[in-house]
Amino acid sequence: MMGSTLAKIYVVLSGAILAVVGVVGFFRHEMFNLTFPPAHNVLHLVSGLIALWAGLGKNVDGPRWFGLIFGAIYTLVAIAGFGGMRDLGPIQLDLNTHFNFIHLGVGLLSLAAGLLSAKSAMAKYTETSSRSVPLELNSIASERNHVVRRSGEMGRSCQAWSNVREGRSASLTRMRRGPSGLR
């Protein structure tokens, strides 16, 4: 539970930061000694909005999937940047070493949040499934006992009816046998 809560906080916080950086980048092309081309701003804004949607949405798996998918994407962008990629074909990103380290940090943290959330979800699943099995077995056992009790009652009812049909009632049979039940 704690892991999924931390992942959700991280996803919402990083989504807000990415969205703000994306919007501000359109008005101020230089921030933190970095130049943000318009395409870079669009990517920050879109990934920030997706992160906010994943973190604040109703789907409990949203933070995990955002962390795993976007973590992988940002990590791959960093690796490609370290490998010499500056732009994505005709799309000008103007990647440099500073961006690469930032993308690597965001990617690895996002992956960690996704994995932490997945681990938390797995622990919750195993805890729930281990708790529900005994409850189901208890329910089945109690239904079985109910059936056994009912069939015992039916057996006694059938025996009583048989005694009546043969002209013997249970009280007559007891009277003939005496108090100890022996003839």
C-alpha atoms as a PDB file:
ATOM      1  CA  MET A   1       0.000   0.000   0.000  1.00  0.00           C
ATOM      2  CA  MET A   2       2.789   2.414   0.908  1.00  0.00           C
ATOM      3  CA  GLY A   3       4.568   1.796  -2.410  1.00  0.00           C
ATOM      4  CA  SER A   4       1.500   2.599  -4.483  1.00  0.00           C
ATOM      5  CA  THR A   5       0.870   5.774  -2.450  1.00  0.00           C
ATOM      6  CA  LEU A   6       4.463   6.952  -2.984  1.00  0.00           C
ATOM      7  CA  ALA A   7       4.223   6.119  -6.683  1.00  0.00           C
ATOM      8  CA  LYS A   8       1.003   8.111  -6.980  1.00  0.00           C
ATOM      9  CA  ILE A   9       2.571  11.114  -5.205  1.00  0.00           C
ATOM     10  CA  TYR A  10       5.638  10.922  -7.462  1.00  0.00           C
ATOM     11  CA  VAL A  11       3.557  10.654 -10.644  1.00  0.00           C
ATOM     12  CA  VAL A  12       1.318  13.595  -9.701  1.00  0.00           C
ATOM     13  CA  LEU A  13       4.277  15.741  -8.598  1.00  0.00           C
ATOM     14  CA  SER A  14       6.378  14.970 -11.690  1.00  0.00           C
ATOM     15  CA  GLY A  15       3.307  15.487 -13.896  1.00  0.00           C
ATOM     16  CA  ALA A  16       2.729  18.931 -12.398  1.00  0.00           C
ATOM     17  CA  ILE A  17       6.400  19.871 -12.841  1.00  0.00           C
ATOM     18  CA  LEU A  18       6.511  18.622 -16.442  1.00  0.00           C
ATOM     19  CA  ALA A  19       3.284  20.459 -17.313  1.00  0.00           C
ATOM     20  CA  VAL A  20       4.530  23.714 -15.772  1.00  0.00           C
ATOM     21  CA  VAL A  21       7.910  23.419 -17.508  1.00  0.00           C
ATOM     22  CA  GLY A  22       6.101  22.690 -20.785  1.00  0.00           C
ATOM     23  CA  VAL A  23       3.825  25.742 -20.505  1.00  0.00           C
ATOM     24  CA  VAL A  24       6.487  28.142 -19.203  1.00  0.00           C
ATOM     25  CA  GLY A  25       8.860  26.956 -21.930  1.00  0.00           C
ATOM     26  CA  PHE A  26       6.592  28.493 -24.574  1.00  0.00           C
ATOM     27  CA  PHE A  27       6.989  31.919 -22.990  1.00  0.00           C
ATOM     28  CA  ARG A  28      10.541  31.671 -21.773  1.00  0.00           C
ATOM     29  CA  HIS A  29      12.811  29.671 -24.051  1.00  0.00           C
ATOM     30  CA  GLU A  30      15.686  29.604 -21.577  1.00  0.00           C
ATOM     31  CA  MET A  31      15.319  28.191 -18.069  1.00  0.00           C
ATOM     32  CA  PHE A  32      17.934  26.770 -15.723  1.00  0.00           C
ATOM     33  CA  ASN A  33      20.621  27.553 -18.322  1.00  0.00           C
ATOM     34  CA  LEU A  34      18.816  25.275 -20.789  1.00  0.00           C
ATOM     35  CA  THR A  35      17.154  26.170 -24.069  1.00  0.00           C
ATOM     36  CA  PHE A  36      13.757  24.571 -24.663  1.00  0.00           C
ATOM     37  CA  PRO A  37      12.668  24.323 -28.319  1.00  0.00           C
ATOM     38  CA  PRO A  38       8.869  24.282 -28.925  1.00  0.00           C
ATOM     39  CA  ALA A  39       8.795  20.514 -29.644  1.00  0.00           C
ATOM     40  CA  HIS A  40      10.551  19.847 -26.334  1.00  0.00           C
ATOM     41  CA  ASN A  41       7.919  21.975 -24.574  1.00  0.00           C
ATOM     42  CA  VAL A  42       5.099  20.079 -26.263  1.00  0.00           C
ATOM     43  CA  LEU A  43       6.563  16.748 -25.146  1.00  0.00           C
ATOM     44  CA  HIS A  44       6.940  18.016 -21.558  1.00  0.00           C
ATOM     45  CA  LEU A  45       3.391  19.372 -21.535  1.00  0.00           C
ATOM     46  CA  VAL A  46       1.857  16.196 -22.995  1.00  0.00           C
ATOM     47  CA  SER A  47       3.773  13.836 -20.698  1.00  0.00           C
ATOM     48  CA  GLY A  48       2.935  16.073 -17.716  1.00  0.00           C
ATOM     49  CA  LEU A  49      -0.773  16.014 -18.528  1.00  0.00           C
ATOM     50  CA  ILE A  50      -0.705  12.246 -19.013  1.00  0.00           C
ATOM     51  CA  ALA A  51       1.072  11.895 -15.657  1.00  0.00           C
ATOM     52  CA  LEU A  52      -1.568  14.032 -13.933  1.00  0.00           C
ATOM     53  CA  TRP A  53      -4.319  11.994 -15.571  1.00  0.00           C
ATOM     54  CA  ALA A  54      -2.636   8.725 -14.507  1.00  0.00           C
ATOM     55  CA  GLY A  55      -1.948   9.918 -10.964  1.00  0.00           C
ATOM     56  CA  LEU A  56      -5.283  11.600 -10.283  1.00  0.00           C
ATOM     57  CA  GLY A  57      -7.518   9.266 -12.291  1.00  0.00           C
ATOM     58  CA  LYS A  58      -9.751   6.550 -10.906  1.00  0.00           C
ATOM     59  CA  ASN A  59      -7.634   3.695 -12.250  1.00  0.00           C
ATOM     60  CA  VAL A  60      -5.435   2.444  -9.400  1.00  0.00           C
ATOM     61  CA  ASP A  61      -2.955   1.036 -11.930  1.00  0.00           C
ATOM     62  CA  GLY A  62      -2.443   4.452 -13.605  1.00  0.00           C
ATOM     63  CA  PRO A  63       0.663   5.460 -11.615  1.00  0.00           C
ATOM     64  CA  ARG A  64       2.232   2.041 -12.157  1.00  0.00           C
ATOM     65  CA  TRP A  65       1.692   2.075 -15.926  1.00  0.00           C
ATOM     66  CA  PHE A  66       2.811   5.685 -16.255  1.00  0.00           C
ATOM     67  CA  GLY A  67       5.964   4.922 -14.258  1.00  0.00           C
ATOM     68  CA  LEU A  68       6.826   1.848 -16.289  1.00  0.00           C
ATOM     69  CA  ILE A  69       6.034   3.225 -19.754  1.00  0.00           C
ATOM     70  CA  PHE A  70       7.281   6.788 -19.396  1.00  0.00           C
ATOM     71  CA  GLY A  71      10.196   5.663 -17.263  1.00  0.00           C
ATOM     72  CA  ALA A  72      11.312   3.419 -20.100  1.00  0.00           C
ATOM     73  CA  ILE A  73      10.782   6.190 -22.682  1.00  0.00           C
ATOM     74  CA  TYR A  74      12.674   8.864 -20.716  1.00  0.00           C
ATOM     75  CA  THR A  75      15.504   6.418 -19.927  1.00  0.00           C
ATOM     76  CA  LEU A  76      15.796   5.464 -23.612  1.00  0.00           C
ATOM     77  CA  VAL A  77      15.807   9.149 -24.624  1.00  0.00           C
ATOM     78  CA  ALA A  78      18.654   9.745 -22.151  1.00  0.00           C
ATOM     79  CA  ILE A  79      20.635   6.776 -23.460  1.00  0.00           C
ATOM     80  CA  ALA A  80      20.091   7.931 -27.056  1.00  0.00           C
ATOM     81  CA  GLY A  81      21.149  11.450 -26.013  1.00  0.00           C
ATOM     82  CA  PHE A  82      24.336  10.122 -24.425  1.00  0.00           C
ATOM     83  CA  GLY A  83      24.860   8.212 -27.671  1.00  0.00           C
ATOM     84  CA  GLY A  84      24.857  11.480 -29.618  1.00  0.00           C
ATOM     85  CA  MET A  85      21.207  12.052 -30.565  1.00  0.00           C
ATOM     86  CA  ARG A  86      20.296  15.759 -30.429  1.00  0.00           C
ATOM     87  CA  ASP A  87      17.029  15.777 -32.354  1.00  0.00           C
ATOM     88  CA  LEU A  88      14.374  13.237 -33.268  1.00  0.00           C
ATOM     89  CA  GLY A  89      14.655  13.324 -37.047  1.00  0.00           C
ATOM     90  CA  PRO A  90      13.149  16.636 -38.192  1.00  0.00           C
ATOM     91  CA  ILE A  91      11.782  17.342 -34.691  1.00  0.00           C
ATOM     92  CA  GLN A  92      14.177  19.715 -32.951  1.00  0.00           C
ATOM     93  CA  LEU A  93      14.698  18.714 -29.297  1.00  0.00           C
ATOM     94  CA  ASP A  94      18.172  20.187 -28.862  1.00  0.00           C
ATOM     95  CA  LEU A  95      19.237  17.465 -26.419  1.00  0.00           C
ATOM     96  CA  ASN A  96      22.518  17.943 -24.598  1.00  0.00           C
ATOM     97  CA  THR A  97      24.338  16.445 -21.619  1.00  0.00           C
ATOM     98  CA  HIS A  98      22.271  18.418 -19.087  1.00  0.00           C
ATOM     99  CA  PHE A  99      19.020  17.234 -20.651  1.00  0.00           C
ATOM    100  CA  ASN A 100      20.350  13.682 -20.825  1.00  0.00           C
ATOM    101  CA  PHE A 101      21.055  13.579 -17.084  1.00  0.00           C
ATOM    102  CA  ILE A 102      17.648  15.111 -16.304  1.00  0.00           C
ATOM    103  CA  HIS A 103      15.907  12.617 -18.597  1.00  0.00           C
ATOM    104  CA  LEU A 104      17.884   9.763 -17.059  1.00  0.00           C
ATOM    105  CA  GLY A 105      16.900  10.854 -13.543  1.00  0.00           C
ATOM    106  CA  VAL A 106      13.223  11.262 -14.461  1.00  0.00           C
ATOM    107  CA  GLY A 107      13.277   7.936 -16.314  1.00  0.00           C
ATOM    108  CA  LEU A 108      14.871   5.947 -13.511  1.00  0.00           C
ATOM    109  CA  LEU A 109      12.674   7.537 -10.841  1.00  0.00           C
ATOM    110  CA  SER A 110       9.595   6.828 -12.946  1.00  0.00           C
ATOM    111  CA  LEU A 111      10.649   3.228 -13.447  1.00  0.00           C
ATOM    112  CA  ALA A 112      11.265   2.902  -9.704  1.00  0.00           C
ATOM    113  CA  ALA A 113       7.794   4.326  -8.976  1.00  0.00           C
ATOM    114  CA  GLY A 114       6.213   1.914 -11.455  1.00  0.00           C
ATOM    115  CA  LEU A 115       8.083  -1.072 -10.056  1.00  0.00           C
ATOM    116  CA  LEU A 116       7.373  -0.043  -6.466  1.00  0.00           C
ATOM    117  CA  SER A 117       3.696   0.309  -7.294  1.00  0.00           C
ATOM    118  CA  ALA A 118       3.712  -3.068  -9.067  1.00  0.00           C
ATOM    119  CA  LYS A 119       5.368  -4.709  -6.055  1.00  0.00           C
ATOM    120  CA  SER A 120       2.795  -3.103  -3.773  1.00  0.00           C
ATOM    121  CA  ALA A 121      -0.041  -4.262  -6.032  1.00  0.00           C
ATOM    122  CA  MET A 122       1.375  -7.795  -6.051  1.00  0.00           C
ATOM    123  CA  ALA A 123       1.633  -7.813  -2.249  1.00  0.00           C
ATOM    124  CA  LYS A 124      -1.953  -6.570  -1.998  1.00  0.00           C
ATOM    125  CA  TYR A 125      -3.094  -9.267  -4.441  1.00  0.00           C
ATOM    126  CA  THR A 126      -1.399 -12.103  -2.552  1.00  0.00           C
ATOM    127  CA  GLU A 127      -2.671 -10.767   0.782  1.00  0.00           C
ATOM    128  CA  THR A 128      -6.229 -10.549  -0.558  1.00  0.00           C
ATOM    129  CA  SER A 129      -6.110 -13.942  -2.222  1.00  0.00           C
ATOM    130  CA  SER A 130      -4.642 -15.668   0.845  1.00  0.00           C
ATOM    131  CA  ARG A 131      -7.355 -14.111   3.020  1.00  0.00           C
ATOM    132  CA  SER A 132     -10.225 -14.968   0.692  1.00  0.00           C
ATOM    133  CA  VAL A 133      -9.422 -18.672   0.299  1.00  0.00           C
ATOM    134  CA  PRO A 134     -10.109 -19.632   3.923  1.00  0.00           C
ATOM    135  CA  LEU A 135     -13.300 -17.552   3.911  1.00  0.00           C
ATOM    136  CA  GLU A 136     -14.499 -19.386   0.816  1.00  0.00           C
ATOM    137  CA  LEU A 137     -13.555 -22.729   2.325  1.00  0.00           C
ATOM    138  CA  ASN A 138     -15.381 -21.830   5.537  1.00  0.00           C
ATOM    139  CA  SER A 139     -18.425 -20.892   3.511  1.00  0.00           C
ATOM    140  CA  ILE A 140     -18.304 -24.171   1.601  1.00  0.00           C
ATOM    141  CA  ALA A 141     -17.792 -26.140   4.834  1.00  0.00           C
ATOM    142  CA  SER A 142     -20.720 -24.413   6.514  1.00  0.00           C
ATOM    143  CA  GLU A 143     -22.934 -25.100   3.475  1.00  0.00           C
ATOM    144  CA  ARG A 144     -21.848 -28.745   3.560  1.00  0.00           C
ATOM    145  CA  ASN A 145     -22.652 -28.986   7.277  1.00  0.00           C
ATOM    146  CA  HIS A 146     -26.023 -27.430   6.561  1.00  0.00           C
ATOM    147  CA  VAL A 147     -26.690 -30.048   3.883  1.00  0.00           C
ATOM    148  CA  VAL A 148     -25.588 -32.845   6.241  1.00  0.00           C
ATOM    149  CA  ARG A 149     -27.821 -31.508   9.025  1.00  0.00           C
ATOM    150  CA  ARG A 150     -30.763 -31.189   6.653  1.00  0.00           C
ATOM    151  CA  SER A 151     -30.245 -34.677   5.266  1.00  0.00           C
ATOM    152  CA  GLY A 152     -30.129 -36.009   8.864  1.00  0.00           C
ATOM    153  CA  GLU A 153     -33.423 -34.289   9.584  1.00  0.00           C
ATOM    154  CA  MET A 154     -34.863 -35.703   6.392  1.00  0.00           C
ATOM    155  CA  GLY A 155     -33.669 -39.159   7.405  1.00  0.00           C
ATOM    156  CA  ARG A 156     -35.411 -38.884  10.763  1.00  0.00           C
ATOM    157  CA  SER A 157     -38.538 -37.573   9.052  1.00  0.00           C
ATOM    158  CA  CYS A 158     -38.501 -40.487   6.615  1.00  0.00           C
ATOM    159  CA  GLN A 159     -38.071 -42.949   9.492  1.00  0.00           C
ATOM    160  CA  ALA A 160     -40.955 -41.341  11.392  1.00  0.00           C
ATOM    161  CA  TRP A 161     -43.173 -41.504   8.301  1.00  0.00           C
ATOM    162  CA  SER A 162     -42.206 -45.119   7.785  1.00  0.00           C
ATOM    163  CA  ASN A 163     -43.155 -45.878  11.389  1.00  0.00           C
ATOM    164  CA  VAL A 164     -46.513 -44.148  10.966  1.00  0.00           C
ATOM    165  CA  ARG A 165     -47.208 -46.032   7.743  1.00  0.00           C
ATOM    166  CA  GLU A 166     -46.458 -49.322   9.442  1.00  0.00           C
ATOM    167  CA  GLY A 167     -48.777 -48.364  12.257  1.00  0.00           C
ATOM    168  CA  ARG A 168     -46.096 -47.642  14.766  1.00  0.00           C
ATOM    169  CA  SER A 169     -45.510 -44.208  16.088  1.00  0.00           C
ATOM    170  CA  ALA A 170     -42.225 -43.152  17.607  1.00  0.00           C
ATOM    171  CA  SER A 171     -43.857 -42.874  21.038  1.00  0.00           C
ATOM    172  CA  LEU A 172     -45.280 -46.412  20.758  1.00  0.00           C
ATOM    173  CA  THR A 173     -41.885 -47.744  19.771  1.00  0.00           C
ATOM    174  CA  ARG A 174     -40.315 -46.029  22.772  1.00  0.00           C
ATOM    175  CA  MET A 175     -42.998 -47.356  25.087  1.00  0.00           C
ATOM    176  CA  ARG A 176     -42.454 -50.921  23.863  1.00  0.00           C
ATOM    177  CA  ARG A 177     -38.682 -50.625  24.320  1.00  0.00           C
ATOM    178  CA  GLY A 178     -38.910 -49.134  27.797  1.00  0.00           C
ATOM    179  CA  PRO A 179     -36.903 -46.311  29.319  1.00  0.00           C
ATOM    180  CA  SER A 180     -33.533 -47.739  28.347  1.00  0.00           C
ATOM    181  CA  GLY A 181     -34.600 -48.410  24.774  1.00  0.00           C
ATOM    182  CA  LEU A 182     -34.238 -52.221  25.160  1.00  0.00           C
ATOM    183  CA  ARG A 183     -37.040 -54.766  24.610  1.00  0.00           C
END
